[in-house]
Amino acid sequence: MILHHYEMSPYAEKIRLMLGHKGVPWQSVLSPAQPPRPNVDPLSGGYRRIPIAQIGADVFCDTFVIAQEVARIADAPELDPENVNEADAALIATAEGEVFFAAIGAVSPMTLIGTMLRTFGVLGTIKFAMDRARMMQGATVKAPTGAEAEKAVRSFLEDLDAKLAGHDFLGGTVPTLVDFSSFHPLWLKETTSGTPLDPMYGNVTRWYERVGSIGHGSREEEAPASAFEAARSADPRPLPAASGEPDSRIGTEVSVAPSDYGTVPVSGTLLALSDTRCIVERKTESLGTVHVHFPRRGFAITPPS
């Protein structure tokens, strides 16, 4: 697996830890924190979010399908989002929805600016801030700020602390998808604020250190040219077998985009559609044919604009 990411990406941290936990060797291609991303845009067709994963000529957008691929490679069904129970699915939705945005809003603006300046420099901070403002234009989610954000994070910590009483991990004795999905919003808050989690939540603090200590495993840095060659020299893998009634959109040109924020569409020919995933074919002059995979949930499939 090739992971296109940047170091401060919280969703990338979720995947990096999953790879480390299962001992899956992976190749790292570092991306800019904001578009344009010449290292991966030719592969994905301009998909807005990070991380993006790649195996040969198959490209995976969103951590839902990336987690599925890690689960498949590692033979680890406990990491597949399709296998989570109802309670864990609700916790993941809260962590990666309300709490993710609250984790940013709970950090004071001056602290956040200071972190960005140290990370990206002055010009990089300006570009990053302008890009994130554009990304949220037309968004269907509203990021809480100030006291509202603090309340959301505190409520989440209280809930986690209760769930972790007498347990090493939220899934029991070993980490599962719910652990990695709940960890990365708190990692975002800690890394942007520069302060540790509130020690009054002792169970959470011990769990957080336990998950963070997993590390990223066998990571090998690669240049973008290596990722391009991996796609160029491979054929996309066989499509999954069709099930149910055929969809009239199969074989037609479509655009696929997130429906909540960062709604930049990727266009191509719709090849496959299941309850959880869609696959779009893109034919490129420089890389040949690539298949781009998206989740169904939270994504819109529309005629090309």
C-alpha atoms as a PDB file:
ATOM      1  CA  MET A   1       0.000   0.000   0.000  1.00  0.00           C
ATOM      2  CA  ILE A   2       1.119   3.521  -0.858  1.00  0.00           C
ATOM      3  CA  LEU A   3      -0.270   6.228   1.411  1.00  0.00           C
ATOM      4  CA  HIS A   4      -0.426   9.802   0.113  1.00  0.00           C
ATOM      5  CA  HIS A   5      -0.573  11.958   3.240  1.00  0.00           C
ATOM      6  CA  TYR A   6       0.973  14.777   5.244  1.00  0.00           C
ATOM      7  CA  GLU A   7       2.307  14.395   8.760  1.00  0.00           C
ATOM      8  CA  MET A   8      -0.266  16.604  10.533  1.00  0.00           C
ATOM      9  CA  SER A   9      -3.282  14.959   8.894  1.00  0.00           C
ATOM     10  CA  PRO A  10      -5.432  13.405  11.647  1.00  0.00           C
ATOM     11  CA  TYR A  11      -7.236  11.044   9.283  1.00  0.00           C
ATOM     12  CA  ALA A  12      -3.865   9.916   7.963  1.00  0.00           C
ATOM     13  CA  GLU A  13      -2.773   9.260  11.555  1.00  0.00           C
ATOM     14  CA  LYS A  14      -5.761   6.937  11.909  1.00  0.00           C
ATOM     15  CA  ILE A  15      -4.561   4.867   8.935  1.00  0.00           C
ATOM     16  CA  ARG A  16      -0.869   5.038   9.856  1.00  0.00           C
ATOM     17  CA  LEU A  17      -1.653   3.545  13.271  1.00  0.00           C
ATOM     18  CA  MET A  18      -3.831   0.836  11.755  1.00  0.00           C
ATOM     19  CA  LEU A  19      -0.978  -0.156   9.440  1.00  0.00           C
ATOM     20  CA  GLY A  20       1.457  -0.128  12.358  1.00  0.00           C
ATOM     21  CA  HIS A  21      -0.869  -2.202  14.522  1.00  0.00           C
ATOM     22  CA  LYS A  22      -1.192  -4.951  11.910  1.00  0.00           C
ATOM     23  CA  GLY A  23       2.457  -4.828  10.834  1.00  0.00           C
ATOM     24  CA  VAL A  24       1.580  -4.034   7.231  1.00  0.00           C
ATOM     25  CA  PRO A  25       4.597  -2.566   5.361  1.00  0.00           C
ATOM     26  CA  TRP A  26       3.644   0.597   3.528  1.00  0.00           C
ATOM     27  CA  GLN A  27       5.123   3.284   1.337  1.00  0.00           C
ATOM     28  CA  SER A  28       4.778   6.948   2.230  1.00  0.00           C
ATOM     29  CA  VAL A  29       4.400   9.710  -0.349  1.00  0.00           C
ATOM     30  CA  LEU A  30       4.172  13.075   1.369  1.00  0.00           C
ATOM     31  CA  SER A  31       1.610  15.559   0.042  1.00  0.00           C
ATOM     32  CA  PRO A  32       1.117  19.284   0.474  1.00  0.00           C
ATOM     33  CA  ALA A  33      -1.415  20.104   3.179  1.00  0.00           C
ATOM     34  CA  GLN A  34      -3.649  21.758   0.590  1.00  0.00           C
ATOM     35  CA  PRO A  35      -4.209  21.528  -3.182  1.00  0.00           C
ATOM     36  CA  PRO A  36      -2.758  21.453  -5.706  1.00  0.00           C
ATOM     37  CA  ARG A  37      -1.215  18.063  -4.937  1.00  0.00           C
ATOM     38  CA  PRO A  38       0.842  17.099  -7.975  1.00  0.00           C
ATOM     39  CA  ASN A  39       1.971  13.901  -6.214  1.00  0.00           C
ATOM     40  CA  VAL A  40      -1.536  12.409  -6.228  1.00  0.00           C
ATOM     41  CA  ASP A  41      -3.972  14.556  -8.262  1.00  0.00           C
ATOM     42  CA  PRO A  42      -3.100  12.729 -11.526  1.00  0.00           C
ATOM     43  CA  LEU A  43      -4.065   9.471  -9.806  1.00  0.00           C
ATOM     44  CA  SER A  44      -7.226  10.538  -7.999  1.00  0.00           C
ATOM     45  CA  GLY A  45      -8.568  13.055 -10.486  1.00  0.00           C
ATOM     46  CA  GLY A  46      -8.324  15.884  -7.962  1.00  0.00           C
ATOM     47  CA  TYR A  47     -10.038  14.349  -4.930  1.00  0.00           C
ATOM     48  CA  ARG A  48      -9.873  17.039  -2.269  1.00  0.00           C
ATOM     49  CA  ARG A  49      -9.234  15.169   0.973  1.00  0.00           C
ATOM     50  CA  ILE A  50      -6.233  13.408   2.506  1.00  0.00           C
ATOM     51  CA  PRO A  51      -5.206  10.647   2.939  1.00  0.00           C
ATOM     52  CA  ILE A  52      -5.474   8.773  -0.334  1.00  0.00           C
ATOM     53  CA  ALA A  53      -4.204   5.207  -0.618  1.00  0.00           C
ATOM     54  CA  GLN A  54      -3.001   3.342  -3.681  1.00  0.00           C
ATOM     55  CA  ILE A  55      -2.334  -0.251  -4.598  1.00  0.00           C
ATOM     56  CA  GLY A  56      -1.005  -0.384  -8.162  1.00  0.00           C
ATOM     57  CA  ALA A  57      -3.621   1.147 -10.463  1.00  0.00           C
ATOM     58  CA  ASP A  58      -6.353   1.161  -7.776  1.00  0.00           C
ATOM     59  CA  VAL A  59      -6.784   4.388  -5.813  1.00  0.00           C
ATOM     60  CA  PHE A  60      -8.772   4.574  -2.576  1.00  0.00           C
ATOM     61  CA  CYS A  61     -10.413   7.802  -1.386  1.00  0.00           C
ATOM     62  CA  ASP A  62     -11.707   8.289   2.169  1.00  0.00           C
ATOM     63  CA  THR A  63     -10.617   6.320   5.208  1.00  0.00           C
ATOM     64  CA  PHE A  64     -13.762   4.169   5.015  1.00  0.00           C
ATOM     65  CA  VAL A  65     -12.474   2.337   1.947  1.00  0.00           C
ATOM     66  CA  ILE A  66      -8.820   2.656   3.000  1.00  0.00           C
ATOM     67  CA  ALA A  67      -9.671   0.905   6.289  1.00  0.00           C
ATOM     68  CA  GLN A  68     -11.423  -1.812   4.284  1.00  0.00           C
ATOM     69  CA  GLU A  69      -8.246  -2.308   2.265  1.00  0.00           C
ATOM     70  CA  VAL A  70      -6.080  -2.503   5.393  1.00  0.00           C
ATOM     71  CA  ALA A  71      -8.520  -5.039   6.846  1.00  0.00           C
ATOM     72  CA  ARG A  72      -8.337  -7.079   3.636  1.00  0.00           C
ATOM     73  CA  ILE A  73      -4.528  -7.036   3.423  1.00  0.00           C
ATOM     74  CA  ALA A  74      -4.071  -7.867   7.109  1.00  0.00           C
ATOM     75  CA  ASP A  75      -6.963 -10.346   7.295  1.00  0.00           C
ATOM     76  CA  ALA A  76      -8.326  -8.210  10.141  1.00  0.00           C
ATOM     77  CA  PRO A  77     -12.138  -8.025   9.956  1.00  0.00           C
ATOM     78  CA  GLU A  78     -12.210  -5.986  13.169  1.00  0.00           C
ATOM     79  CA  LEU A  79     -10.813  -3.041  11.163  1.00  0.00           C
ATOM     80  CA  ASP A  80     -13.482  -3.168   8.436  1.00  0.00           C
ATOM     81  CA  PRO A  81     -16.149  -0.443   8.853  1.00  0.00           C
ATOM     82  CA  GLU A  82     -18.758  -2.836   7.497  1.00  0.00           C
ATOM     83  CA  ASN A  83     -18.271  -5.099  10.506  1.00  0.00           C
ATOM     84  CA  VAL A  84     -18.778  -2.624  13.362  1.00  0.00           C
ATOM     85  CA  ASN A  85     -21.774  -3.058  15.629  1.00  0.00           C
ATOM     86  CA  GLU A  86     -24.441  -0.393  16.060  1.00  0.00           C
ATOM     87  CA  ALA A  87     -22.974   1.086  19.240  1.00  0.00           C
ATOM     88  CA  ASP A  88     -19.471   1.355  17.797  1.00  0.00           C
ATOM     89  CA  ALA A  89     -20.828   2.846  14.569  1.00  0.00           C
ATOM     90  CA  ALA A  90     -22.577   5.553  16.602  1.00  0.00           C
ATOM     91  CA  LEU A  91     -19.378   6.287  18.555  1.00  0.00           C
ATOM     92  CA  ILE A  92     -17.352   6.510  15.333  1.00  0.00           C
ATOM     93  CA  ALA A  93     -19.929   8.863  13.805  1.00  0.00           C
ATOM     94  CA  THR A  94     -19.694  11.132  16.846  1.00  0.00           C
ATOM     95  CA  ALA A  95     -15.877  11.032  16.935  1.00  0.00           C
ATOM     96  CA  GLU A  96     -15.395  11.727  13.239  1.00  0.00           C
ATOM     97  CA  GLY A  97     -18.234  14.223  13.021  1.00  0.00           C
ATOM     98  CA  GLU A  98     -19.041  16.556  15.892  1.00  0.00           C
ATOM     99  CA  VAL A  99     -15.920  15.823  17.947  1.00  0.00           C
ATOM    100  CA  PHE A 100     -13.525  16.121  15.012  1.00  0.00           C
ATOM    101  CA  PHE A 101     -14.682  19.675  14.293  1.00  0.00           C
ATOM    102  CA  ALA A 102     -14.965  20.509  17.989  1.00  0.00           C
ATOM    103  CA  ALA A 103     -11.355  19.421  18.487  1.00  0.00           C
ATOM    104  CA  ILE A 104     -10.316  22.309  16.236  1.00  0.00           C
ATOM    105  CA  GLY A 105     -12.852  24.791  17.603  1.00  0.00           C
ATOM    106  CA  ALA A 106     -11.820  24.091  21.197  1.00  0.00           C
ATOM    107  CA  VAL A 107      -8.283  25.382  20.536  1.00  0.00           C
ATOM    108  CA  SER A 108      -7.872  29.135  20.950  1.00  0.00           C
ATOM    109  CA  PRO A 109      -7.333  30.996  17.665  1.00  0.00           C
ATOM    110  CA  MET A 110      -3.942  32.353  18.765  1.00  0.00           C
ATOM    111  CA  THR A 111      -2.719  28.894  19.773  1.00  0.00           C
ATOM    112  CA  LEU A 112      -3.961  27.444  16.503  1.00  0.00           C
ATOM    113  CA  ILE A 113      -2.192  30.149  14.503  1.00  0.00           C
ATOM    114  CA  GLY A 114       1.014  29.551  16.457  1.00  0.00           C
ATOM    115  CA  THR A 115       0.877  25.830  15.686  1.00  0.00           C
ATOM    116  CA  MET A 116       0.302  26.479  11.994  1.00  0.00           C
ATOM    117  CA  LEU A 117       3.148  28.993  11.838  1.00  0.00           C
ATOM    118  CA  ARG A 118       5.536  26.465  13.376  1.00  0.00           C
ATOM    119  CA  THR A 119       4.310  23.747  11.030  1.00  0.00           C
ATOM    120  CA  PHE A 120       3.812  25.555   7.726  1.00  0.00           C
ATOM    121  CA  GLY A 121       5.629  28.892   8.030  1.00  0.00           C
ATOM    122  CA  VAL A 122       4.023  32.273   7.354  1.00  0.00           C
ATOM    123  CA  LEU A 123       3.186  31.795   3.674  1.00  0.00           C
ATOM    124  CA  GLY A 124       2.117  28.197   4.247  1.00  0.00           C
ATOM    125  CA  THR A 125      -0.174  29.254   7.088  1.00  0.00           C
ATOM    126  CA  ILE A 126      -1.869  31.848   4.889  1.00  0.00           C
ATOM    127  CA  LYS A 127      -2.357  29.302   2.106  1.00  0.00           C
ATOM    128  CA  PHE A 128      -3.613  26.685   4.554  1.00  0.00           C
ATOM    129  CA  ALA A 129      -6.137  29.035   6.185  1.00  0.00           C
ATOM    130  CA  MET A 130      -7.446  30.274   2.834  1.00  0.00           C
ATOM    131  CA  ASP A 131      -7.775  26.722   1.547  1.00  0.00           C
ATOM    132  CA  ARG A 132      -9.666  25.485   4.608  1.00  0.00           C
ATOM    133  CA  ALA A 133     -12.060  28.440   4.310  1.00  0.00           C
ATOM    134  CA  ARG A 134     -12.724  27.486   0.679  1.00  0.00           C
ATOM    135  CA  MET A 135     -13.139  23.836   1.636  1.00  0.00           C
ATOM    136  CA  MET A 136     -15.964  24.713   4.034  1.00  0.00           C
ATOM    137  CA  GLN A 137     -17.848  26.863   1.542  1.00  0.00           C
ATOM    138  CA  GLY A 138     -21.197  25.227   0.931  1.00  0.00           C
ATOM    139  CA  ALA A 139     -20.517  22.650   3.672  1.00  0.00           C
ATOM    140  CA  THR A 140     -23.461  20.932   5.312  1.00  0.00           C
ATOM    141  CA  VAL A 141     -21.610  20.663   8.640  1.00  0.00           C
ATOM    142  CA  LYS A 142     -21.060  23.516  11.091  1.00  0.00           C
ATOM    143  CA  ALA A 143     -17.923  23.511  13.218  1.00  0.00           C
ATOM    144  CA  PRO A 144     -18.607  24.441  16.861  1.00  0.00           C
ATOM    145  CA  THR A 145     -16.314  26.970  18.495  1.00  0.00           C
ATOM    146  CA  GLY A 146     -15.421  28.219  21.951  1.00  0.00           C
ATOM    147  CA  ALA A 147     -17.529  26.946  24.851  1.00  0.00           C
ATOM    148  CA  GLU A 148     -19.719  24.849  22.551  1.00  0.00           C
ATOM    149  CA  ALA A 149     -16.671  23.024  21.187  1.00  0.00           C
ATOM    150  CA  GLU A 150     -15.187  22.522  24.660  1.00  0.00           C
ATOM    151  CA  LYS A 151     -18.492  21.048  25.837  1.00  0.00           C
ATOM    152  CA  ALA A 152     -18.580  18.588  22.922  1.00  0.00           C
ATOM    153  CA  VAL A 153     -15.009  17.406  23.570  1.00  0.00           C
ATOM    154  CA  ARG A 154     -15.592  17.088  27.314  1.00  0.00           C
ATOM    155  CA  SER A 155     -18.774  15.087  26.784  1.00  0.00           C
ATOM    156  CA  PHE A 156     -16.884  12.758  24.457  1.00  0.00           C
ATOM    157  CA  LEU A 157     -14.068  12.298  26.995  1.00  0.00           C
ATOM    158  CA  GLU A 158     -16.577  11.497  29.722  1.00  0.00           C
ATOM    159  CA  ASP A 159     -18.248   8.908  27.509  1.00  0.00           C
ATOM    160  CA  LEU A 160     -14.920   7.324  26.528  1.00  0.00           C
ATOM    161  CA  ASP A 161     -13.730   7.257  30.126  1.00  0.00           C
ATOM    162  CA  ALA A 162     -16.815   5.319  31.178  1.00  0.00           C
ATOM    163  CA  LYS A 163     -16.521   2.880  28.272  1.00  0.00           C
ATOM    164  CA  LEU A 164     -12.847   2.232  29.034  1.00  0.00           C
ATOM    165  CA  ALA A 165     -13.361   1.389  32.718  1.00  0.00           C
ATOM    166  CA  GLY A 166     -11.724  -2.007  33.170  1.00  0.00           C
ATOM    167  CA  HIS A 167     -10.729  -2.253  29.493  1.00  0.00           C
ATOM    168  CA  ASP A 168      -7.473  -1.627  27.642  1.00  0.00           C
ATOM    169  CA  PHE A 169      -9.313  -0.734  24.429  1.00  0.00           C
ATOM    170  CA  LEU A 170     -12.804   0.262  23.393  1.00  0.00           C
ATOM    171  CA  GLY A 171     -13.113  -3.046  21.581  1.00  0.00           C
ATOM    172  CA  GLY A 172     -11.901  -5.051  24.575  1.00  0.00           C
ATOM    173  CA  THR A 173      -8.424  -6.548  24.797  1.00  0.00           C
ATOM    174  CA  VAL A 174      -7.176  -5.516  21.328  1.00  0.00           C
ATOM    175  CA  PRO A 175      -7.633  -2.317  19.329  1.00  0.00           C
ATOM    176  CA  THR A 176     -10.336  -2.278  16.676  1.00  0.00           C
ATOM    177  CA  LEU A 177     -11.616   0.313  14.228  1.00  0.00           C
ATOM    178  CA  VAL A 178     -13.507   2.187  16.948  1.00  0.00           C
ATOM    179  CA  ASP A 179     -10.229   2.819  18.820  1.00  0.00           C
ATOM    180  CA  PHE A 180      -8.423   4.337  15.847  1.00  0.00           C
ATOM    181  CA  SER A 181     -11.484   6.355  14.830  1.00  0.00           C
ATOM    182  CA  SER A 182     -11.890   7.766  18.349  1.00  0.00           C
ATOM    183  CA  PHE A 183      -8.169   8.416  18.807  1.00  0.00           C
ATOM    184  CA  HIS A 184      -7.434  10.715  15.888  1.00  0.00           C
ATOM    185  CA  PRO A 185      -9.767  13.643  16.790  1.00  0.00           C
ATOM    186  CA  LEU A 186      -8.128  13.756  20.226  1.00  0.00           C
ATOM    187  CA  TRP A 187      -4.696  13.521  18.568  1.00  0.00           C
ATOM    188  CA  LEU A 188      -5.713  16.525  16.461  1.00  0.00           C
ATOM    189  CA  LYS A 189      -6.644  18.519  19.553  1.00  0.00           C
ATOM    190  CA  GLU A 190      -3.467  17.574  21.413  1.00  0.00           C
ATOM    191  CA  THR A 191      -1.120  18.325  18.502  1.00  0.00           C
ATOM    192  CA  THR A 192      -2.757  21.654  17.613  1.00  0.00           C
ATOM    193  CA  SER A 193      -3.103  22.880  21.202  1.00  0.00           C
ATOM    194  CA  GLY A 194       0.272  21.609  22.404  1.00  0.00           C
ATOM    195  CA  THR A 195      -1.324  20.442  25.667  1.00  0.00           C
ATOM    196  CA  PRO A 196      -2.024  16.887  26.872  1.00  0.00           C
ATOM    197  CA  LEU A 197      -5.482  15.490  27.482  1.00  0.00           C
ATOM    198  CA  ASP A 198      -7.153  16.405  30.762  1.00  0.00           C
ATOM    199  CA  PRO A 199      -5.665  14.013  33.364  1.00  0.00           C
ATOM    200  CA  MET A 200      -8.993  13.806  35.194  1.00  0.00           C
ATOM    201  CA  TYR A 201      -9.988  11.288  32.503  1.00  0.00           C
ATOM    202  CA  GLY A 202      -7.508   8.674  33.610  1.00  0.00           C
ATOM    203  CA  ASN A 203      -8.936   5.793  31.596  1.00  0.00           C
ATOM    204  CA  VAL A 204      -8.829   7.889  28.425  1.00  0.00           C
ATOM    205  CA  THR A 205      -5.299   9.101  29.130  1.00  0.00           C
ATOM    206  CA  ARG A 206      -3.977   5.558  29.558  1.00  0.00           C
ATOM    207  CA  TRP A 207      -5.858   4.345  26.467  1.00  0.00           C
ATOM    208  CA  TYR A 208      -4.621   7.323  24.438  1.00  0.00           C
ATOM    209  CA  GLU A 209      -1.008   6.563  25.333  1.00  0.00           C
ATOM    210  CA  ARG A 210      -1.583   2.877  24.595  1.00  0.00           C
ATOM    211  CA  VAL A 211      -2.966   3.539  21.105  1.00  0.00           C
ATOM    212  CA  GLY A 212      -0.369   6.205  20.311  1.00  0.00           C
ATOM    213  CA  SER A 213       2.467   3.871  21.289  1.00  0.00           C
ATOM    214  CA  ILE A 214       1.490   1.457  18.496  1.00  0.00           C
ATOM    215  CA  GLY A 215       3.414   3.626  16.037  1.00  0.00           C
ATOM    216  CA  HIS A 216       3.424   3.540  12.259  1.00  0.00           C
ATOM    217  CA  GLY A 217       5.218   0.256  11.694  1.00  0.00           C
ATOM    218  CA  SER A 218       7.292  -0.409   8.579  1.00  0.00           C
ATOM    219  CA  ARG A 219       7.171   2.881   6.664  1.00  0.00           C
ATOM    220  CA  GLU A 220       9.294   3.547   3.580  1.00  0.00           C
ATOM    221  CA  GLU A 221       9.513   7.010   2.042  1.00  0.00           C
ATOM    222  CA  GLU A 222       8.958   7.170  -1.715  1.00  0.00           C
ATOM    223  CA  ALA A 223       8.936   9.888  -4.366  1.00  0.00           C
ATOM    224  CA  PRO A 224       5.721  10.631  -6.281  1.00  0.00           C
ATOM    225  CA  ALA A 225       7.363   9.209  -9.430  1.00  0.00           C
ATOM    226  CA  SER A 226       7.416   5.772  -7.777  1.00  0.00           C
ATOM    227  CA  ALA A 227       3.681   5.930  -7.117  1.00  0.00           C
ATOM    228  CA  PHE A 228       3.039   6.984 -10.713  1.00  0.00           C
ATOM    229  CA  GLU A 229       5.144   4.104 -11.992  1.00  0.00           C
ATOM    230  CA  ALA A 230       3.270   1.684  -9.740  1.00  0.00           C
ATOM    231  CA  ALA A 231       0.015   2.744 -11.393  1.00  0.00           C
ATOM    232  CA  ARG A 232       1.468   2.860 -14.894  1.00  0.00           C
ATOM    233  CA  SER A 233       2.933  -0.631 -14.697  1.00  0.00           C
ATOM    234  CA  ALA A 234      -0.177  -2.325 -13.278  1.00  0.00           C
ATOM    235  CA  ASP A 235      -3.688  -3.120 -14.407  1.00  0.00           C
ATOM    236  CA  PRO A 236      -6.576  -2.326 -12.071  1.00  0.00           C
ATOM    237  CA  ARG A 237      -7.674  -5.366 -10.147  1.00  0.00           C
ATOM    238  CA  PRO A 238     -10.799  -7.283 -11.241  1.00  0.00           C
ATOM    239  CA  LEU A 239     -14.104  -5.664 -10.389  1.00  0.00           C
ATOM    240  CA  PRO A 240     -16.249  -7.205  -7.659  1.00  0.00           C
ATOM    241  CA  ALA A 241     -19.104  -9.406  -8.819  1.00  0.00           C
ATOM    242  CA  ALA A 242     -22.334  -7.501  -9.367  1.00  0.00           C
ATOM    243  CA  SER A 243     -25.208  -8.200  -7.014  1.00  0.00           C
ATOM    244  CA  GLY A 244     -28.836  -7.190  -7.027  1.00  0.00           C
ATOM    245  CA  GLU A 245     -30.598  -5.268  -9.752  1.00  0.00           C
ATOM    246  CA  PRO A 246     -28.290  -3.579 -12.286  1.00  0.00           C
ATOM    247  CA  ASP A 247     -27.964   0.194 -11.926  1.00  0.00           C
ATOM    248  CA  SER A 248     -28.649   2.165 -15.087  1.00  0.00           C
ATOM    249  CA  ARG A 249     -25.718   4.466 -14.327  1.00  0.00           C
ATOM    250  CA  ILE A 250     -23.148   1.686 -14.769  1.00  0.00           C
ATOM    251  CA  GLY A 251     -21.027   2.468 -17.831  1.00  0.00           C
ATOM    252  CA  THR A 252     -21.981   6.146 -17.882  1.00  0.00           C
ATOM    253  CA  GLU A 253     -19.932   9.230 -17.087  1.00  0.00           C
ATOM    254  CA  VAL A 254     -20.475  10.471 -13.543  1.00  0.00           C
ATOM    255  CA  SER A 255     -19.036  12.816 -10.957  1.00  0.00           C
ATOM    256  CA  VAL A 256     -18.444  11.623  -7.396  1.00  0.00           C
ATOM    257  CA  ALA A 257     -17.969  14.036  -4.496  1.00  0.00           C
ATOM    258  CA  PRO A 258     -18.369  14.175  -0.710  1.00  0.00           C
ATOM    259  CA  SER A 259     -21.745  15.547   0.278  1.00  0.00           C
ATOM    260  CA  ASP A 260     -20.704  17.291   3.516  1.00  0.00           C
ATOM    261  CA  TYR A 261     -17.560  19.387   2.879  1.00  0.00           C
ATOM    262  CA  GLY A 262     -14.650  19.536   0.464  1.00  0.00           C
ATOM    263  CA  THR A 263     -17.142  18.805  -2.296  1.00  0.00           C
ATOM    264  CA  VAL A 264     -14.721  18.760  -5.237  1.00  0.00           C
ATOM    265  CA  PRO A 265     -15.973  16.185  -7.774  1.00  0.00           C
ATOM    266  CA  VAL A 266     -13.970  13.440  -9.472  1.00  0.00           C
ATOM    267  CA  SER A 267     -15.232  12.466 -12.911  1.00  0.00           C
ATOM    268  CA  GLY A 268     -15.004   9.170 -14.755  1.00  0.00           C
ATOM    269  CA  THR A 269     -16.949   6.140 -15.926  1.00  0.00           C
ATOM    270  CA  LEU A 270     -18.961   4.379 -13.238  1.00  0.00           C
ATOM    271  CA  LEU A 271     -17.871   0.723 -13.300  1.00  0.00           C
ATOM    272  CA  ALA A 272     -19.196  -0.822 -10.103  1.00  0.00           C
ATOM    273  CA  LEU A 273     -21.688  -0.003  -7.401  1.00  0.00           C
ATOM    274  CA  SER A 274     -22.400  -1.861  -4.148  1.00  0.00           C
ATOM    275  CA  ASP A 275     -24.172  -0.909  -0.946  1.00  0.00           C
ATOM    276  CA  THR A 276     -20.937   0.502   0.456  1.00  0.00           C
ATOM    277  CA  ARG A 277     -18.611   1.346  -2.451  1.00  0.00           C
ATOM    278  CA  CYS A 278     -18.494   2.773  -5.956  1.00  0.00           C
ATOM    279  CA  ILE A 279     -15.641   2.441  -8.443  1.00  0.00           C
ATOM    280  CA  VAL A 280     -14.938   4.957 -11.179  1.00  0.00           C
ATOM    281  CA  GLU A 281     -12.615   4.395 -14.126  1.00  0.00           C
ATOM    282  CA  ARG A 282     -10.313   7.190 -15.216  1.00  0.00           C
ATOM    283  CA  LYS A 283      -8.312   6.927 -18.425  1.00  0.00           C
ATOM    284  CA  THR A 284      -5.190   9.102 -18.376  1.00  0.00           C
ATOM    285  CA  GLU A 285      -2.490   9.729 -20.941  1.00  0.00           C
ATOM    286  CA  SER A 286       0.364   9.619 -18.463  1.00  0.00           C
ATOM    287  CA  LEU A 287      -0.716   6.751 -16.183  1.00  0.00           C
ATOM    288  CA  GLY A 288      -3.059   4.647 -18.277  1.00  0.00           C
ATOM    289  CA  THR A 289      -6.269   3.369 -16.701  1.00  0.00           C
ATOM    290  CA  VAL A 290      -6.855   3.776 -12.983  1.00  0.00           C
ATOM    291  CA  HIS A 291      -9.816   2.748 -10.855  1.00  0.00           C
ATOM    292  CA  VAL A 292     -10.799   5.195  -8.120  1.00  0.00           C
ATOM    293  CA  HIS A 293     -12.770   3.776  -5.177  1.00  0.00           C
ATOM    294  CA  PHE A 294     -15.192   5.809  -3.028  1.00  0.00           C
ATOM    295  CA  PRO A 295     -17.598   4.997  -0.199  1.00  0.00           C
ATOM    296  CA  ARG A 296     -21.324   5.226  -0.932  1.00  0.00           C
ATOM    297  CA  ARG A 297     -22.189   6.744   2.438  1.00  0.00           C
ATOM    298  CA  GLY A 298     -21.563  10.477   2.539  1.00  0.00           C
ATOM    299  CA  PHE A 299     -20.829  10.726  -1.187  1.00  0.00           C
ATOM    300  CA  ALA A 300     -23.016  11.892  -4.061  1.00  0.00           C
ATOM    301  CA  ILE A 301     -22.978  10.350  -7.550  1.00  0.00           C
ATOM    302  CA  THR A 302     -24.256  12.817 -10.137  1.00  0.00           C
ATOM    303  CA  PRO A 303     -24.061  13.412 -13.902  1.00  0.00           C
ATOM    304  CA  PRO A 304     -20.828  15.216 -14.822  1.00  0.00           C
ATOM    305  CA  SER A 305     -21.065  18.980 -14.555  1.00  0.00           C
END
